[in-house]
Protein backbone atom coordinates (compact mmCIF):
# COMPACT_ATOMS: atom_id res chain seq x y z
CA UNK A 1 0.00 0.00 0.00
CA UNK A 2 1.05 3.58 -0.65
CA UNK A 3 2.64 5.51 2.21
CA UNK A 4 0.38 8.46 1.39
CA UNK A 5 -3.32 7.82 2.14
CA UNK A 6 -5.85 7.95 -0.66
CA UNK A 7 -8.35 9.70 1.62
CA UNK A 8 -7.55 11.68 4.74
CA UNK A 9 -10.20 13.12 7.05
CA UNK A 10 -9.13 15.55 9.76
CA UNK A 11 -11.24 17.04 12.57
CA UNK A 12 -14.51 16.60 10.70
CA UNK A 13 -17.41 18.12 12.66
CA UNK A 14 -21.04 18.24 11.52
CA UNK A 15 -23.79 20.34 13.09
CA UNK A 16 -27.46 20.54 12.09
CA UNK A 17 -29.39 23.73 12.80
CA UNK A 18 -33.15 24.13 13.30
CA UNK A 19 -34.11 27.59 14.50
CA UNK A 20 -32.16 28.27 17.68
CA UNK A 21 -31.35 24.61 18.18
CA UNK A 22 -28.02 23.11 17.11
CA UNK A 23 -27.43 19.34 17.06
CA UNK A 24 -23.87 18.05 16.77
CA UNK A 25 -23.93 14.85 14.70
CA UNK A 26 -20.16 14.30 14.51
CA UNK A 27 -17.26 15.93 16.29
CA UNK A 28 -13.52 15.91 15.55
CA UNK A 29 -13.68 12.76 13.40
CA UNK A 30 -10.30 11.86 11.88
CA UNK A 31 -9.22 8.83 9.85
CA UNK A 32 -7.36 7.88 6.70
CA UNK A 33 -7.71 5.15 4.09
CA UNK A 34 -4.80 3.87 2.03
CA UNK A 35 -5.10 2.65 -1.55
CA UNK A 36 -6.58 -0.87 -1.52
CA UNK A 37 -7.46 -0.73 2.18
CA UNK A 38 -10.79 -1.51 3.84
CA UNK A 39 -11.71 0.64 6.84
CA UNK A 40 -14.81 -0.26 8.84
CA UNK A 41 -16.58 2.41 10.91
CA UNK A 42 -18.71 0.60 13.46
CA UNK A 43 -21.40 1.98 15.76
CA UNK A 44 -25.09 1.84 16.54
CA UNK A 45 -27.73 3.86 14.68
CA UNK A 46 -27.40 7.57 15.42
CA UNK A 47 -23.71 7.41 16.27
CA UNK A 48 -22.76 9.66 13.33
CA UNK A 49 -21.39 7.07 10.90
CA UNK A 50 -23.59 7.76 7.88
CA UNK A 51 -23.58 11.56 8.15
CA UNK A 52 -19.79 11.48 8.30
CA UNK A 53 -19.70 9.37 5.13
CA UNK A 54 -22.12 11.71 3.35
CA UNK A 55 -20.07 14.74 4.37
CA UNK A 56 -17.04 13.42 2.47
CA UNK A 57 -18.50 14.64 -0.83
CA UNK A 58 -20.84 17.32 0.59
CA UNK A 59 -24.02 15.28 0.21
CA UNK A 60 -25.53 16.83 3.35
CA UNK A 61 -27.89 19.85 3.23
CA UNK A 62 -26.00 23.13 2.72
CA UNK A 63 -25.56 25.86 5.31
CA UNK A 64 -27.34 27.19 7.30
CA UNK A 65 -29.23 23.90 7.72
CA UNK A 66 -25.98 21.99 8.16
CA UNK A 67 -22.44 23.22 8.79
CA UNK A 68 -19.39 21.05 8.18
CA UNK A 69 -15.89 21.95 9.36
CA UNK A 70 -12.54 20.21 9.10
CA UNK A 71 -10.92 18.81 5.97
CA UNK A 72 -11.48 15.88 3.62
CA UNK A 73 -8.59 15.39 1.21
CA UNK A 74 -8.49 13.01 -1.73
CA UNK A 75 -5.00 12.76 -3.19
CA UNK A 76 -4.16 15.95 -1.32
CA UNK A 77 -7.14 17.96 -2.65
CA UNK A 78 -9.58 19.26 -0.02
CA UNK A 79 -13.04 18.21 -1.22
CA UNK A 80 -14.83 20.52 1.19
CA UNK A 81 -13.36 23.51 -0.62
CA UNK A 82 -13.92 22.37 -4.21
CA UNK A 83 -16.35 24.20 -6.53
CA UNK A 84 -19.56 22.25 -7.10
CA UNK A 85 -18.81 21.45 -10.75
CA UNK A 86 -15.47 19.83 -9.89
CA UNK A 87 -16.90 17.98 -6.90
CA UNK A 88 -19.71 16.57 -9.08
CA UNK A 89 -17.08 14.74 -11.14
CA UNK A 90 -15.70 13.10 -7.99
CA UNK A 91 -19.11 12.01 -6.66
CA UNK A 92 -19.82 8.68 -8.30
CA UNK A 93 -16.50 8.89 -10.14
CA UNK A 94 -13.53 8.74 -7.78
CA UNK A 95 -15.81 8.11 -4.78
CA UNK A 96 -18.93 5.98 -5.22
CA UNK A 97 -21.65 5.05 -2.72
CA UNK A 98 -23.92 2.10 -2.10
CA UNK A 99 -26.62 2.32 0.56
CA UNK A 100 -28.56 0.01 2.85
CA UNK A 101 -31.92 0.31 1.07
CA UNK A 102 -31.31 -0.38 -2.63
CA UNK A 103 -35.06 -0.28 -3.29
CA UNK A 104 -35.10 3.35 -2.13
CA UNK A 105 -31.83 4.31 -3.84
CA UNK A 106 -32.83 3.04 -7.29
CA UNK A 107 -35.22 5.17 -9.34
CA UNK A 108 -38.46 3.15 -9.71
CA UNK A 109 -39.43 4.64 -13.10
CA UNK A 110 -36.21 3.76 -14.98
CA UNK A 111 -34.80 0.38 -15.92
CA UNK A 112 -31.67 -0.98 -14.29
CA UNK A 113 -29.79 -0.65 -17.59
CA UNK A 114 -30.78 2.99 -17.99
CA UNK A 115 -29.56 3.84 -14.49
CA UNK A 116 -26.23 2.05 -14.88
CA UNK A 117 -25.80 3.61 -18.33
CA UNK A 118 -26.54 7.10 -17.01
CA UNK A 119 -23.72 6.76 -14.46
CA UNK A 120 -21.33 5.59 -17.19
CA UNK A 121 -22.28 8.47 -19.49
CA UNK A 122 -21.81 11.05 -16.74
CA UNK A 123 -18.44 9.86 -15.46
CA UNK A 124 -16.92 8.05 -18.44
CA UNK A 125 -17.84 10.14 -21.49
CA UNK A 126 -15.07 8.44 -23.48
CA UNK A 127 -17.05 5.17 -23.55
CA UNK A 128 -18.67 4.64 -26.95
CA UNK A 129 -20.28 1.25 -26.32
CA UNK A 130 -22.38 2.15 -23.28
CA UNK A 131 -24.69 -0.85 -23.72
CA UNK A 132 -21.72 -3.20 -23.72
CA UNK A 133 -20.37 -1.58 -20.54
CA UNK A 134 -23.76 -1.98 -18.86
CA UNK A 135 -23.75 -5.71 -19.57
CA UNK A 136 -20.13 -6.07 -18.40
CA UNK A 137 -20.93 -4.21 -15.17
CA UNK A 138 -23.88 -6.50 -14.42
CA UNK A 139 -21.82 -9.58 -15.24
CA UNK A 140 -19.05 -8.45 -12.91
CA UNK A 141 -21.42 -8.57 -9.94
CA UNK A 142 -22.58 -12.06 -10.97
CA UNK A 143 -26.04 -11.12 -12.22
CA UNK A 144 -27.37 -13.94 -14.37
CA UNK A 145 -29.00 -13.01 -17.68
CA UNK A 146 -27.68 -9.44 -17.59
CA UNK A 147 -29.45 -8.50 -20.83
CA UNK A 148 -32.81 -9.37 -19.27
CA UNK A 149 -32.04 -7.66 -15.95
CA UNK A 150 -30.90 -4.51 -17.77
CA UNK A 151 -34.43 -4.18 -19.17
CA UNK A 152 -36.15 -4.73 -15.83
CA UNK A 153 -37.34 -2.16 -13.28
CA UNK A 154 -36.17 -2.19 -9.65
CA UNK A 155 -39.49 -3.56 -8.30
CA UNK A 156 -39.06 -6.65 -10.48
CA UNK A 157 -35.86 -7.66 -8.66
CA UNK A 158 -35.27 -9.17 -5.22
CA UNK A 159 -33.48 -7.17 -2.54
CA UNK A 160 -30.23 -9.02 -3.17
CA UNK A 161 -30.45 -8.42 -6.92
CA UNK A 162 -31.23 -4.75 -6.34
CA UNK A 163 -28.11 -4.43 -4.20
CA UNK A 164 -26.01 -6.15 -6.87
CA UNK A 165 -27.39 -3.66 -9.40
CA UNK A 166 -26.43 -0.79 -7.07
CA UNK A 167 -22.90 -2.19 -6.78
CA UNK A 168 -22.72 -2.55 -10.57
CA UNK A 169 -23.78 1.08 -10.97
CA UNK A 170 -21.16 2.25 -8.48
CA UNK A 171 -18.34 0.16 -9.99
CA UNK A 172 -19.20 1.01 -13.60
CA UNK A 173 -17.48 4.37 -13.09
CA UNK A 174 -14.23 2.76 -11.83
CA UNK A 175 -14.15 4.47 -8.41
CA UNK A 176 -11.00 4.47 -6.33
CA UNK A 177 -13.01 4.50 -3.09
CA UNK A 178 -16.32 2.73 -2.50
CA UNK A 179 -18.40 3.90 0.47
CA UNK A 180 -20.62 0.98 1.51
CA UNK A 181 -23.18 2.31 4.00
CA UNK A 182 -24.82 -0.66 5.76
CA UNK A 183 -24.91 -2.60 2.46
CA UNK A 184 -26.42 -5.77 3.97
CA UNK A 185 -28.89 -4.46 6.57
CA UNK A 186 -32.09 -5.05 4.56
CA UNK A 187 -31.02 -8.52 3.35
CA UNK A 188 -31.37 -11.99 4.84
CA UNK A 189 -28.30 -13.72 6.25
CA UNK A 190 -27.52 -15.84 3.20
CA UNK A 191 -27.69 -12.86 0.84
CA UNK A 192 -25.64 -10.77 3.29
CA UNK A 193 -22.76 -13.24 2.96
CA UNK A 194 -23.04 -13.23 -0.82
CA UNK A 195 -22.86 -9.43 -0.95
CA UNK A 196 -19.88 -9.26 1.43
CA UNK A 197 -18.07 -12.00 -0.53
CA UNK A 198 -18.77 -10.04 -3.72
CA UNK A 199 -17.32 -6.83 -2.26
CA UNK A 200 -14.25 -8.72 -1.02
CA UNK A 201 -13.66 -10.22 -4.47
CA UNK A 202 -14.08 -6.88 -6.22
CA UNK A 203 -11.69 -5.26 -3.76
CA UNK A 204 -9.04 -7.90 -4.51
CA UNK A 205 -9.49 -7.73 -8.27
CA UNK A 206 -9.64 -3.96 -8.55
CA UNK A 207 -7.33 -2.89 -5.72
CA UNK A 208 -10.14 -0.59 -4.63
CA UNK A 209 -10.39 1.06 -1.22
CA UNK A 210 -13.61 0.55 0.76
CA UNK A 211 -15.12 2.53 3.62
CA UNK A 212 -17.60 0.15 5.28
CA UNK A 213 -20.24 1.72 7.51
CA UNK A 214 -21.91 -0.83 9.77
CA UNK A 215 -23.38 -1.53 13.20
CA UNK A 216 -22.49 -5.21 12.93
CA UNK A 217 -19.09 -6.35 14.17
CA UNK A 218 -19.97 -9.80 12.84
CA UNK A 219 -19.30 -8.81 9.21
CA UNK A 220 -16.12 -6.87 9.98
CA UNK A 221 -13.71 -9.55 11.20
CA UNK A 222 -13.12 -11.26 7.86
CA UNK A 223 -13.48 -8.20 5.68
CA UNK A 224 -11.80 -5.05 7.01
CA UNK A 225 -8.16 -4.16 7.64
CA UNK A 226 -8.78 -1.45 10.22
CA UNK A 227 -11.70 -0.52 12.47
CA UNK A 228 -12.92 2.78 13.90
CA UNK A 229 -15.57 2.57 16.63
CA UNK A 230 -17.94 5.54 16.70
CA UNK A 231 -20.14 6.52 19.62
CA UNK A 232 -22.18 9.69 20.04
CA UNK A 233 -20.49 11.41 17.12
CA UNK A 234 -16.91 10.66 18.16
CA UNK A 235 -14.31 8.04 17.31
CA UNK A 236 -13.71 6.30 20.64
CA UNK A 237 -11.39 3.49 19.51
CA UNK A 238 -9.40 2.49 16.46
CA UNK A 239 -6.95 -0.18 15.43
CA UNK A 240 -6.46 -3.20 13.21
CA UNK A 241 -9.23 -5.78 13.12
CA UNK A 242 -7.14 -8.30 15.07
CA UNK A 243 -6.26 -5.72 17.74
CA UNK A 244 -9.87 -4.65 18.25
CA UNK A 245 -11.27 -8.19 18.27
CA UNK A 246 -8.68 -9.38 20.80
CA UNK A 247 -8.53 -6.40 23.15
CA UNK A 248 -11.06 -3.58 23.51
CA UNK A 249 -9.99 -0.46 25.38
CA UNK A 250 -13.40 1.23 25.40
CA UNK A 251 -16.48 -0.25 27.14
CA UNK A 252 -18.68 0.63 24.16
CA UNK A 253 -16.51 -1.51 21.89
CA UNK A 254 -16.72 -4.38 24.35
CA UNK A 255 -20.50 -4.02 24.45
CA UNK A 256 -20.76 -4.07 20.64
CA UNK A 257 -18.66 -7.22 20.39
CA UNK A 258 -20.66 -8.85 23.19
CA UNK A 259 -23.75 -8.45 21.01
CA UNK A 260 -22.37 -10.55 18.13
CA UNK A 261 -24.73 -13.56 17.75
CA UNK A 262 -23.12 -16.94 18.35
CA UNK A 263 -24.74 -20.30 17.73
CA UNK A 264 -26.09 -21.87 20.91
CA UNK A 265 -25.58 -18.74 23.02
CA UNK A 266 -28.08 -16.12 24.04
CA UNK A 267 -26.57 -12.74 23.23
CA UNK A 268 -27.32 -9.46 24.92
CA UNK A 269 -28.97 -6.28 23.67
CA UNK A 270 -26.99 -3.04 23.68
CA UNK A 271 -28.62 0.12 25.01
CA UNK A 272 -27.07 3.50 25.73
CA UNK A 273 -28.50 5.87 28.32
CA UNK A 274 -26.94 9.36 28.69
CA UNK A 275 -23.23 8.76 29.18
CA UNK A 276 -23.59 5.27 30.59
CA UNK A 277 -23.40 1.96 28.75
CA UNK A 278 -25.78 -0.80 29.70
CA UNK A 279 -26.07 -4.22 28.15
CA UNK A 280 -29.52 -5.63 28.83
CA UNK A 281 -30.41 -9.31 29.06
């Protein structure tokens, strides 16, 4: 891996404003991702994971509704200071996203092929055979009968197939960084494994970096290189996967790992109240 990180985030803070009320969603978040590396950001819902990922390419509402401070640099260029026209080329191009609800992310009135082709046309204008690229993108994510699927609408596909189509759309633009925001949450366990195996294979074949956003430590151990644990808008622990799985310095990390389901054992439910951590039976 390169000594210089592909993406570097420093002191990222995000605040939402509603009248006189200000809500801090993330505070002083810092991390970096090297070329070809997988970083997992783990935490429960509301911990600030997804808003931090959206802030990387300014996908949050603009000021005064939302203010974002700090820096997000891709190859040394601060994305938070880029003009909108230049940033638009990076969104979906250098940095692509897949989300946890593919049925909501896909446009219901356009075919899968149209949506994949639109992404290719926007970010790879040099491509002359767009239809051929659409088929290749669907084949790469192991969609059977890609010609038929390209002509189908999102509601005609299962959840797993919709997510594969979302991954195909993201990868069709040859991103250097893929942000996978809870990519398996809406899927059953068998399909979850298939999607994670697919992402792992694509990472190996493409040398692509991945930022995995998840609440589930169970899918992290065999997938990520490094882990950041996020709680109440802050990074409370970080390290390699092996370090975090073996020894947890923060009680919140220990509580998250204690919630991993194991066959034949009754696991516990994590709750957080004010500044205390409680694991309920």
